[in-house]
C-alpha atoms as a PDB file:
ATOM      1  CA  MET A   1      62.644  -1.729 -71.612  1.00  0.00           C
ATOM      2  CA  SER A   2      64.255  -5.013 -73.248  1.00  0.00           C
ATOM      3  CA  HIS A   3      67.220  -5.233 -75.424  1.00  0.00           C
ATOM      4  CA  ARG A   4      69.073  -8.171 -77.306  1.00  0.00           C
ATOM      5  CA  ASN A   5      72.782  -9.362 -76.041  1.00  0.00           C
ATOM      6  CA  GLY A   6      75.392  -9.771 -78.385  1.00  0.00           C
ATOM      7  CA  ARG A   7      74.158 -13.406 -78.394  1.00  0.00           C
ATOM      8  CA  GLY A   8      70.729 -12.618 -80.042  1.00  0.00           C
ATOM      9  CA  ILE A   9      69.050 -13.358 -76.196  1.00  0.00           C
ATOM     10  CA  ILE A  10      66.509 -10.768 -75.217  1.00  0.00           C
ATOM     11  CA  GLU A  11      67.727  -9.092 -71.954  1.00  0.00           C
ATOM     12  CA  MET A  12      65.244  -7.603 -69.237  1.00  0.00           C
ATOM     13  CA  PRO A  13      67.257  -5.752 -66.752  1.00  0.00           C
ATOM     14  CA  GLY A  14      65.565  -5.884 -63.544  1.00  0.00           C
ATOM     15  CA  LEU A  15      63.939  -8.982 -63.414  1.00  0.00           C
ATOM     16  CA  ILE A  16      66.098 -12.169 -62.018  1.00  0.00           C
ATOM     17  CA  ALA A  17      68.451 -13.628 -64.486  1.00  0.00           C
ATOM     18  CA  HIS A  18      69.487 -16.782 -62.545  1.00  0.00           C
ATOM     19  CA  PRO A  19      66.861 -18.304 -60.399  1.00  0.00           C
ATOM     20  CA  GLY A  20      68.267 -20.893 -57.699  1.00  0.00           C
ATOM     21  CA  GLN A  21      66.254 -23.685 -59.154  1.00  0.00           C
ATOM     22  CA  ILE A  22      63.182 -24.104 -61.321  1.00  0.00           C
ATOM     23  CA  TRP A  23      60.382 -26.512 -59.834  1.00  0.00           C
ATOM     24  CA  LEU A  24      58.024 -27.576 -62.835  1.00  0.00           C
ATOM     25  CA  ALA A  25      54.499 -28.479 -60.998  1.00  0.00           C
ATOM     26  CA  VAL A  26      53.053 -31.722 -63.104  1.00  0.00           C
ATOM     27  CA  GLU A  27      49.568 -31.152 -62.131  1.00  0.00           C
ATOM     28  CA  PRO A  28      47.102 -29.151 -63.435  1.00  0.00           C
ATOM     29  CA  VAL A  29      46.792 -25.697 -60.836  1.00  0.00           C
ATOM     30  CA  ASP A  30      43.740 -23.409 -61.836  1.00  0.00           C
ATOM     31  CA  ARG A  31      45.625 -20.295 -62.752  1.00  0.00           C
ATOM     32  CA  ARG A  32      42.671 -17.796 -61.214  1.00  0.00           C
ATOM     33  CA  HIS A  33      44.231 -18.387 -58.004  1.00  0.00           C
ATOM     34  CA  GLY A  34      46.234 -14.894 -56.878  1.00  0.00           C
ATOM     35  CA  MET A  35      49.516 -15.184 -55.433  1.00  0.00           C
ATOM     36  CA  ASP A  36      48.141 -16.282 -52.102  1.00  0.00           C
ATOM     37  CA  GLY A  37      46.973 -19.683 -53.982  1.00  0.00           C
ATOM     38  CA  LEU A  38      49.862 -19.941 -55.849  1.00  0.00           C
ATOM     39  CA  SER A  39      52.077 -19.852 -52.810  1.00  0.00           C
ATOM     40  CA  MET A  40      50.134 -22.382 -51.079  1.00  0.00           C
ATOM     41  CA  ALA A  41      50.572 -24.591 -54.029  1.00  0.00           C
ATOM     42  CA  VAL A  42      54.523 -23.947 -53.724  1.00  0.00           C
ATOM     43  CA  GLN A  43      54.071 -24.479 -50.251  1.00  0.00           C
ATOM     44  CA  GLN A  44      51.718 -27.357 -50.420  1.00  0.00           C
ATOM     45  CA  SER A  45      52.251 -29.682 -53.430  1.00  0.00           C
ATOM     46  CA  LEU A  46      56.002 -28.682 -53.998  1.00  0.00           C
ATOM     47  CA  GLY A  47      57.249 -28.574 -50.633  1.00  0.00           C
ATOM     48  CA  HIS A  48      59.327 -25.339 -51.004  1.00  0.00           C
ATOM     49  CA  SER A  49      59.035 -21.810 -49.459  1.00  0.00           C
ATOM     50  CA  PRO A  50      57.985 -19.388 -52.285  1.00  0.00           C
ATOM     51  CA  CYS A  51      60.385 -16.565 -51.277  1.00  0.00           C
ATOM     52  CA  ALA A  52      63.261 -18.889 -51.533  1.00  0.00           C
ATOM     53  CA  GLY A  53      64.312 -17.456 -55.072  1.00  0.00           C
ATOM     54  CA  SER A  54      63.214 -20.138 -56.855  1.00  0.00           C
ATOM     55  CA  ALA A  55      61.046 -20.016 -60.179  1.00  0.00           C
ATOM     56  CA  PHE A  56      58.006 -22.267 -59.895  1.00  0.00           C
ATOM     57  CA  VAL A  57      56.090 -23.218 -63.643  1.00  0.00           C
ATOM     58  CA  PHE A  58      52.407 -23.880 -63.366  1.00  0.00           C
ATOM     59  CA  GLY A  59      50.263 -25.309 -66.170  1.00  0.00           C
ATOM     60  CA  HIS A  60      46.597 -25.421 -66.348  1.00  0.00           C
ATOM     61  CA  ARG A  61      44.578 -28.165 -67.633  1.00  0.00           C
ATOM     62  CA  ALA A  62      44.395 -27.087 -71.466  1.00  0.00           C
ATOM     63  CA  GLY A  63      48.379 -27.710 -71.513  1.00  0.00           C
ATOM     64  CA  ASN A  64      48.820 -24.955 -73.754  1.00  0.00           C
ATOM     65  CA  ARG A  65      49.870 -22.234 -71.633  1.00  0.00           C
ATOM     66  CA  ILE A  66      52.188 -21.804 -68.300  1.00  0.00           C
ATOM     67  CA  LYS A  67      52.700 -19.305 -65.648  1.00  0.00           C
ATOM     68  CA  VAL A  68      56.343 -18.604 -64.180  1.00  0.00           C
ATOM     69  CA  TRP A  69      56.288 -17.534 -60.664  1.00  0.00           C
ATOM     70  CA  VAL A  70      59.263 -15.948 -58.959  1.00  0.00           C
ATOM     71  CA  TRP A  71      60.191 -14.251 -55.863  1.00  0.00           C
ATOM     72  CA  ASP A  72      62.728 -11.331 -56.311  1.00  0.00           C
ATOM     73  CA  GLY A  73      63.019 -10.466 -52.730  1.00  0.00           C
ATOM     74  CA  ALA A  74      60.471  -7.016 -52.961  1.00  0.00           C
ATOM     75  CA  GLY A  75      57.659  -9.220 -55.502  1.00  0.00           C
ATOM     76  CA  VAL A  76      56.373 -11.825 -57.460  1.00  0.00           C
ATOM     77  CA  TRP A  77      57.026 -11.724 -61.336  1.00  0.00           C
END
């Protein structure tokens, strides 16, 4: 369940509020790739561990949608 805080920002309890870093993949990624494919893209293209607490942002060829990938220690959001 989401709610608004006093500043008008929607908060969603249980989600990672502040990832350590946010990385943007500049090359388009096929969004049909599952978690394994995105994990591989994080490791090979960005050179980071997908489980390090950072957020990773992927776009696709049309450029009108993104996928944000965050590991919270128990799974991927």
